[in-house]
């Protein structure tokens, strides 16, 4: 909360003396401008923070949490490996990923599987 001392100091410097009528208008516009700037900055940062968290959730939800790829040799999946991987998660999906080309008549298109 704003204390009475802070209110008095603020009002003292916002009010102009009788000789400085135009300074009162300038100080009021400056105060309103700074207030609006700070408010807009807070709102934009809040919206962008929410957008960022939503974007990260969508990206992580689309991709797998763990992806195991061989370095040199092919990974042979046997019962022992499946049982060890089963301890991590019950929902495992084994897939191959590689590059390929689709050729149809005179058209060709590169794809990633």
Protein backbone atom coordinates (compact mmCIF):
# COMPACT_ATOMS: atom_id res chain seq x y z
CA UNK A 1 0.00 0.00 0.00
CA UNK A 2 0.99 3.59 -0.50
CA UNK A 3 1.65 5.45 2.74
CA UNK A 4 0.39 8.96 3.42
CA UNK A 5 3.95 10.33 3.23
CA UNK A 6 4.35 8.96 -0.29
CA UNK A 7 1.00 10.45 -1.31
CA UNK A 8 1.95 13.87 0.08
CA UNK A 9 5.32 13.90 -1.69
CA UNK A 10 3.70 12.80 -4.97
CA UNK A 11 0.96 15.42 -4.81
CA UNK A 12 3.45 18.12 -3.82
CA UNK A 13 5.53 17.59 -6.94
CA UNK A 14 2.55 17.06 -9.25
CA UNK A 15 0.92 20.33 -8.20
CA UNK A 16 2.46 23.42 -9.72
CA UNK A 17 2.93 26.78 -8.09
CA UNK A 18 0.73 29.64 -9.22
CA UNK A 19 3.50 31.01 -11.47
CA UNK A 20 4.14 27.64 -13.17
CA UNK A 21 0.73 26.79 -14.65
CA UNK A 22 2.11 25.17 -17.79
CA UNK A 23 4.52 22.97 -15.79
CA UNK A 24 1.51 21.39 -14.09
CA UNK A 25 0.19 20.19 -17.45
CA UNK A 26 3.59 18.85 -18.48
CA UNK A 27 4.06 16.98 -15.19
CA UNK A 28 0.57 15.44 -15.43
CA UNK A 29 1.19 14.24 -19.00
CA UNK A 30 4.60 12.88 -17.98
CA UNK A 31 3.09 11.04 -15.03
CA UNK A 32 0.32 9.54 -17.19
CA UNK A 33 2.81 8.59 -19.91
CA UNK A 34 5.14 6.81 -17.50
CA UNK A 35 2.20 5.04 -15.83
CA UNK A 36 0.84 3.82 -19.17
CA UNK A 37 4.30 2.71 -20.30
CA UNK A 38 4.87 0.64 -17.17
CA UNK A 39 1.38 -0.86 -17.37
CA UNK A 40 1.82 -1.84 -21.03
CA UNK A 41 5.25 -3.34 -20.28
CA UNK A 42 3.83 -5.47 -17.45
CA UNK A 43 0.92 -6.66 -19.60
CA UNK A 44 3.11 -7.53 -22.60
CA UNK A 45 5.61 -9.42 -20.46
CA UNK A 46 2.79 -11.40 -18.82
CA UNK A 47 1.26 -12.32 -22.18
CA UNK A 48 4.63 -13.32 -23.66
CA UNK A 49 5.42 -15.44 -20.58
CA UNK A 50 2.12 -17.29 -20.98
CA UNK A 51 2.72 -17.69 -24.72
CA UNK A 52 6.21 -19.06 -24.10
CA UNK A 53 5.04 -21.65 -21.57
CA UNK A 54 2.20 -22.72 -23.88
CA UNK A 55 4.61 -23.01 -26.82
CA UNK A 56 7.07 -25.11 -24.81
CA UNK A 57 4.24 -27.41 -23.67
CA UNK A 58 3.10 -27.92 -27.27
CA UNK A 59 6.62 -28.66 -28.52
CA UNK A 60 7.44 -31.07 -25.69
CA UNK A 61 4.07 -32.77 -26.10
CA UNK A 62 4.73 -33.35 -29.79
CA UNK A 63 8.23 -34.84 -29.47
CA UNK A 64 9.31 -37.81 -27.41
CA UNK A 65 10.80 -37.20 -23.97
CA UNK A 66 13.61 -39.67 -24.64
CA UNK A 67 15.10 -40.52 -28.00
CA UNK A 68 17.80 -43.21 -28.19
CA UNK A 69 19.89 -43.30 -31.34
CA UNK A 70 22.86 -45.54 -32.15
CA UNK A 71 26.26 -43.96 -32.69
CA UNK A 72 27.92 -46.59 -34.86
CA UNK A 73 26.25 -49.98 -34.59
CA UNK A 74 22.58 -50.82 -34.86
CA UNK A 75 20.76 -51.28 -31.55
CA UNK A 76 19.47 -54.85 -31.25
CA UNK A 77 16.24 -54.98 -29.25
CA UNK A 78 15.98 -58.22 -27.30
CA UNK A 79 13.81 -59.28 -24.35
CA UNK A 80 16.42 -58.16 -21.81
CA UNK A 81 16.55 -54.64 -23.27
CA UNK A 82 12.74 -54.45 -23.50
CA UNK A 83 12.40 -55.41 -19.85
CA UNK A 84 14.92 -52.72 -18.81
CA UNK A 85 13.17 -50.11 -20.95
CA UNK A 86 9.85 -51.26 -19.50
CA UNK A 87 11.04 -50.05 -16.10
CA UNK A 88 11.28 -46.51 -17.48
CA UNK A 89 7.87 -46.42 -19.13
CA UNK A 90 5.08 -48.76 -20.11
CA UNK A 91 4.36 -46.77 -23.29
CA UNK A 92 7.31 -47.34 -25.59
CA UNK A 93 7.25 -46.77 -29.32
CA UNK A 94 10.03 -48.16 -31.48
CA UNK A 95 10.48 -46.42 -34.78
CA UNK A 96 12.98 -45.99 -37.55
CA UNK A 97 14.00 -42.59 -38.76
CA UNK A 98 15.92 -41.90 -41.91
CA UNK A 99 15.89 -39.96 -45.14
CA UNK A 100 14.19 -41.22 -48.28
CA UNK A 101 13.11 -40.13 -51.73
CA UNK A 102 9.72 -40.57 -53.36
CA UNK A 103 9.70 -40.87 -57.14
CA UNK A 104 6.47 -40.78 -59.13
CA UNK A 105 6.60 -40.46 -62.93
CA UNK A 106 8.90 -37.46 -63.50
CA UNK A 107 8.47 -35.98 -60.01
CA UNK A 108 10.73 -36.64 -57.05
CA UNK A 109 10.50 -35.43 -53.47
CA UNK A 110 12.85 -35.89 -50.51
CA UNK A 111 11.26 -36.89 -47.22
CA UNK A 112 12.33 -37.67 -43.67
CA UNK A 113 10.79 -40.77 -42.17
